Amino acid sequence: MTAYVVFIRDKMKDQAAYDGYLQAAVPTLAPFGGEILAVNGAHEAFEGADFDGSVVLRFPDMASARAWYTSAEYEQFKAVRLGATEGRAILLEGVA
């Protein structure tokens, strides 16, 4: 069943580092069947606190999403994102 990884950015701390992270991290998605659905576009918080940006990724299933997030390929870039932003990462299972 399709799965989604959603990054919700509450605060940008280092735009240049984040931009570099995006360029470096995107190629790590393909081997796990991941694709980008949305990247920091226009947004509106219907409920709860507003946020600074978001990224939505789609994977074939939750196992593939977990494998990407914990992979050596992505791990080397994750620390850059964590240092450049404050926010959350969420794994969601899609519907059949």
N, C-alpha and C. Protein backbone atom coordinates (compact mmCIF):
# COMPACT_ATOMS: atom_id res chain seq x y z
N MET A 1 0.84 -1.18 0.00
CA MET A 1 0.00 0.00 0.00
C MET A 1 0.89 1.25 0.00
N THR A 2 0.55 2.21 -0.80
CA THR A 2 1.32 3.45 -0.91
C THR A 2 1.54 4.08 0.45
N ALA A 3 2.70 4.71 0.62
CA ALA A 3 3.03 5.41 1.86
C ALA A 3 3.56 6.79 1.52
N TYR A 4 3.43 7.69 2.48
CA TYR A 4 3.86 9.07 2.30
C TYR A 4 4.75 9.49 3.45
N VAL A 5 5.81 10.19 3.11
CA VAL A 5 6.65 10.85 4.11
C VAL A 5 6.37 12.33 3.97
N VAL A 6 6.00 12.95 5.08
CA VAL A 6 5.68 14.38 5.09
C VAL A 6 6.64 15.07 6.04
N PHE A 7 7.35 16.05 5.51
CA PHE A 7 8.22 16.89 6.32
C PHE A 7 7.50 18.21 6.53
N ILE A 8 7.33 18.61 7.77
CA ILE A 8 6.71 19.89 8.10
C ILE A 8 7.79 20.75 8.75
N ARG A 9 8.13 21.83 8.07
CA ARG A 9 9.19 22.71 8.57
C ARG A 9 8.56 23.87 9.34
N ASP A 10 8.96 23.98 10.60
CA ASP A 10 8.47 25.07 11.44
C ASP A 10 9.36 26.30 11.36
N LYS A 11 10.65 26.07 11.16
CA LYS A 11 11.59 27.20 11.16
C LYS A 11 12.79 26.88 10.27
N MET A 12 13.17 27.84 9.44
CA MET A 12 14.37 27.74 8.63
C MET A 12 15.51 28.39 9.41
N LYS A 13 16.59 27.65 9.59
CA LYS A 13 17.75 28.19 10.30
C LYS A 13 18.91 28.50 9.36
N ASP A 14 19.01 27.80 8.23
CA ASP A 14 20.12 28.00 7.30
C ASP A 14 19.66 27.65 5.89
N GLN A 15 19.21 28.66 5.14
CA GLN A 15 18.65 28.43 3.81
C GLN A 15 19.66 27.81 2.85
N ALA A 16 20.90 28.30 2.87
CA ALA A 16 21.92 27.77 1.95
C ALA A 16 22.18 26.29 2.22
N ALA A 17 22.28 25.91 3.48
CA ALA A 17 22.49 24.50 3.81
C ALA A 17 21.30 23.66 3.39
N TYR A 18 20.10 24.18 3.59
CA TYR A 18 18.88 23.45 3.20
C TYR A 18 18.82 23.27 1.69
N ASP A 19 19.13 24.31 0.93
CA ASP A 19 19.13 24.20 -0.52
C ASP A 19 20.12 23.13 -0.99
N GLY A 20 21.30 23.09 -0.38
CA GLY A 20 22.28 22.07 -0.70
C GLY A 20 21.78 20.67 -0.35
N TYR A 21 21.10 20.57 0.79
CA TYR A 21 20.52 19.30 1.22
C TYR A 21 19.53 18.79 0.17
N LEU A 22 18.62 19.66 -0.28
CA LEU A 22 17.63 19.23 -1.27
C LEU A 22 18.29 18.68 -2.53
N GLN A 23 19.28 19.39 -3.05
CA GLN A 23 19.96 18.93 -4.26
C GLN A 23 20.63 17.59 -4.05
N ALA A 24 21.24 17.40 -2.89
CA ALA A 24 21.97 16.16 -2.62
C ALA A 24 21.04 15.00 -2.28
N ALA A 25 19.95 15.27 -1.57
CA ALA A 25 19.08 14.20 -1.06
C ALA A 25 18.11 13.66 -2.10
N VAL A 26 17.68 14.48 -3.04
CA VAL A 26 16.68 14.04 -4.03
C VAL A 26 17.10 12.76 -4.76
N PRO A 27 18.33 12.62 -5.23
CA PRO A 27 18.70 11.39 -5.93
C PRO A 27 18.63 10.12 -5.07
N THR A 28 18.57 10.25 -3.75
CA THR A 28 18.50 9.06 -2.90
C THR A 28 17.11 8.42 -2.92
N LEU A 29 16.11 9.11 -3.44
CA LEU A 29 14.74 8.60 -3.44
C LEU A 29 14.53 7.46 -4.44
N ALA A 30 15.05 7.61 -5.64
CA ALA A 30 14.75 6.68 -6.73
C ALA A 30 15.01 5.21 -6.42
N PRO A 31 16.13 4.85 -5.80
CA PRO A 31 16.35 3.43 -5.54
C PRO A 31 15.31 2.79 -4.62
N PHE A 32 14.54 3.61 -3.92
CA PHE A 32 13.52 3.12 -2.99
C PHE A 32 12.11 3.33 -3.54
N GLY A 33 12.03 3.77 -4.79
CA GLY A 33 10.74 4.01 -5.42
C GLY A 33 10.07 5.29 -4.96
N GLY A 34 10.86 6.20 -4.35
CA GLY A 34 10.29 7.44 -3.84
C GLY A 34 10.18 8.51 -4.91
N GLU A 35 9.17 9.34 -4.76
CA GLU A 35 9.01 10.48 -5.66
C GLU A 35 8.47 11.67 -4.89
N ILE A 36 8.80 12.84 -5.38
CA ILE A 36 8.38 14.09 -4.74
C ILE A 36 7.02 14.49 -5.28
N LEU A 37 6.08 14.78 -4.37
CA LEU A 37 4.77 15.26 -4.75
C LEU A 37 4.63 16.76 -4.53
N ALA A 38 5.29 17.29 -3.51
CA ALA A 38 5.21 18.72 -3.21
C ALA A 38 6.48 19.14 -2.48
N VAL A 39 6.96 20.35 -2.81
CA VAL A 39 8.15 20.89 -2.15
C VAL A 39 7.94 22.37 -1.85
N ASN A 40 7.67 22.67 -0.60
CA ASN A 40 7.66 24.04 -0.08
C ASN A 40 6.88 25.03 -0.93
N GLY A 41 5.78 24.59 -1.49
CA GLY A 41 4.94 25.49 -2.27
C GLY A 41 4.01 26.30 -1.38
N ALA A 42 3.10 27.00 -2.02
CA ALA A 42 2.12 27.77 -1.27
C ALA A 42 1.36 26.83 -0.33
N HIS A 43 1.06 27.32 0.85
CA HIS A 43 0.35 26.49 1.82
C HIS A 43 -0.53 27.35 2.70
N GLU A 44 -1.46 26.68 3.37
CA GLU A 44 -2.38 27.35 4.28
C GLU A 44 -2.71 26.37 5.39
N ALA A 45 -2.57 26.80 6.62
CA ALA A 45 -2.92 25.96 7.76
C ALA A 45 -4.41 26.13 8.04
N PHE A 46 -5.20 25.11 7.79
CA PHE A 46 -6.62 25.16 8.10
C PHE A 46 -6.85 25.07 9.60
N GLU A 47 -6.03 24.26 10.26
CA GLU A 47 -6.14 24.07 11.70
C GLU A 47 -4.75 24.04 12.30
N GLY A 48 -4.62 24.44 13.54
CA GLY A 48 -3.33 24.41 14.23
C GLY A 48 -2.42 25.54 13.78
N ALA A 49 -1.21 25.46 14.28
CA ALA A 49 -0.22 26.51 14.02
C ALA A 49 0.22 26.50 12.56
N ASP A 50 0.49 27.68 12.03
CA ASP A 50 1.04 27.78 10.69
C ASP A 50 2.45 27.22 10.68
N PHE A 51 3.00 26.97 9.53
CA PHE A 51 4.33 26.39 9.40
C PHE A 51 5.06 27.11 8.29
N ASP A 52 6.36 26.85 8.18
CA ASP A 52 7.22 27.56 7.24
C ASP A 52 7.29 26.89 5.87
N GLY A 53 7.20 25.58 5.81
CA GLY A 53 7.29 24.86 4.55
C GLY A 53 7.01 23.39 4.74
N SER A 54 6.86 22.67 3.64
CA SER A 54 6.60 21.24 3.74
C SER A 54 7.06 20.53 2.47
N VAL A 55 7.33 19.25 2.63
CA VAL A 55 7.70 18.38 1.51
C VAL A 55 6.87 17.11 1.66
N VAL A 56 6.30 16.64 0.56
CA VAL A 56 5.53 15.40 0.57
C VAL A 56 6.17 14.44 -0.42
N LEU A 57 6.50 13.25 0.06
CA LEU A 57 7.11 12.20 -0.76
C LEU A 57 6.16 11.01 -0.81
N ARG A 58 6.15 10.30 -1.93
CA ARG A 58 5.36 9.08 -2.06
C ARG A 58 6.29 7.91 -2.30
N PHE A 59 6.00 6.79 -1.64
CA PHE A 59 6.75 5.54 -1.79
C PHE A 59 5.77 4.41 -2.07
N PRO A 60 6.25 3.31 -2.63
CA PRO A 60 5.36 2.19 -2.92
C PRO A 60 4.68 1.61 -1.68
N ASP A 61 5.37 1.65 -0.54
CA ASP A 61 4.84 1.10 0.70
C ASP A 61 5.63 1.63 1.89
N MET A 62 5.16 1.32 3.08
CA MET A 62 5.82 1.83 4.29
C MET A 62 7.22 1.26 4.45
N ALA A 63 7.41 0.02 4.07
CA ALA A 63 8.74 -0.59 4.18
C ALA A 63 9.75 0.15 3.31
N SER A 64 9.36 0.52 2.11
CA SER A 64 10.26 1.27 1.22
C SER A 64 10.57 2.65 1.79
N ALA A 65 9.57 3.31 2.35
CA ALA A 65 9.78 4.63 2.95
C ALA A 65 10.73 4.54 4.15
N ARG A 66 10.51 3.54 5.00
CA ARG A 66 11.42 3.35 6.15
C ARG A 66 12.83 3.03 5.68
N ALA A 67 12.93 2.16 4.68
CA ALA A 67 14.25 1.77 4.17
C ALA A 67 14.99 2.98 3.63
N TRP A 68 14.28 3.89 2.92
CA TRP A 68 14.93 5.11 2.44
C TRP A 68 15.37 5.99 3.60
N TYR A 69 14.47 6.25 4.55
CA TYR A 69 14.77 7.17 5.65
C TYR A 69 15.95 6.70 6.50
N THR A 70 16.10 5.40 6.62
CA THR A 70 17.18 4.85 7.44
C THR A 70 18.39 4.40 6.62
N SER A 71 18.34 4.63 5.31
CA SER A 71 19.42 4.17 4.43
C SER A 71 20.71 4.96 4.63
N ALA A 72 21.83 4.32 4.32
CA ALA A 72 23.13 5.00 4.34
C ALA A 72 23.16 6.13 3.32
N GLU A 73 22.46 5.94 2.20
CA GLU A 73 22.42 6.97 1.16
C GLU A 73 21.80 8.26 1.69
N TYR A 74 20.68 8.15 2.40
CA TYR A 74 20.01 9.34 2.92
C TYR A 74 20.62 9.83 4.23
N GLU A 75 21.09 8.92 5.04
CA GLU A 75 21.63 9.26 6.37
C GLU A 75 22.68 10.36 6.31
N GLN A 76 23.52 10.34 5.30
CA GLN A 76 24.59 11.33 5.21
C GLN A 76 24.05 12.75 4.99
N PHE A 77 22.82 12.89 4.50
CA PHE A 77 22.23 14.22 4.26
C PHE A 77 21.23 14.63 5.34
N LYS A 78 20.70 13.66 6.07
CA LYS A 78 19.69 13.93 7.10
C LYS A 78 20.21 14.93 8.14
N ALA A 79 21.45 14.79 8.56
CA ALA A 79 22.01 15.70 9.57
C ALA A 79 22.04 17.15 9.07
N VAL A 80 22.25 17.33 7.78
CA VAL A 80 22.23 18.69 7.21
C VAL A 80 20.84 19.29 7.36
N ARG A 81 19.81 18.52 7.02
CA ARG A 81 18.42 19.00 7.15
C ARG A 81 18.10 19.32 8.60
N LEU A 82 18.50 18.44 9.50
CA LEU A 82 18.21 18.66 10.92
C LEU A 82 18.92 19.89 11.47
N GLY A 83 20.10 20.20 10.94
CA GLY A 83 20.81 21.39 11.37
C GLY A 83 20.29 22.67 10.74
N ALA A 84 19.70 22.55 9.54
CA ALA A 84 19.25 23.73 8.80
C ALA A 84 17.81 24.12 9.10
N THR A 85 17.04 23.19 9.66
CA THR A 85 15.61 23.45 9.90
C THR A 85 15.18 22.91 11.25
N GLU A 86 14.01 23.35 11.67
CA GLU A 86 13.31 22.75 12.81
C GLU A 86 11.96 22.30 12.30
N GLY A 87 11.56 21.08 12.64
CA GLY A 87 10.27 20.60 12.18
C GLY A 87 10.05 19.15 12.54
N ARG A 88 9.20 18.50 11.74
CA ARG A 88 8.81 17.12 12.01
C ARG A 88 8.86 16.32 10.72
N ALA A 89 9.04 15.02 10.84
CA ALA A 89 8.94 14.09 9.72
C ALA A 89 7.92 13.03 10.11
N ILE A 90 6.99 12.77 9.21
CA ILE A 90 5.86 11.88 9.51
C ILE A 90 5.75 10.83 8.41
N LEU A 91 5.51 9.57 8.79
CA LEU A 91 5.27 8.49 7.85
C LEU A 91 3.78 8.13 7.92
N LEU A 92 3.12 8.14 6.76
CA LEU A 92 1.69 7.84 6.70
C LEU A 92 1.43 6.71 5.70
N GLU A 93 0.56 5.80 6.07
CA GLU A 93 0.14 4.77 5.13
C GLU A 93 -1.06 5.28 4.34
N GLY A 94 -1.04 5.07 3.03
CA GLY A 94 -2.14 5.48 2.18
C GLY A 94 -3.32 4.52 2.31
N VAL A 95 -4.35 4.77 1.52
CA VAL A 95 -5.53 3.91 1.54
C VAL A 95 -5.51 2.99 0.32
N ALA A 96 -6.17 1.86 0.47
CA ALA A 96 -6.21 0.89 -0.62
C ALA A 96 -7.16 1.33 -1.70
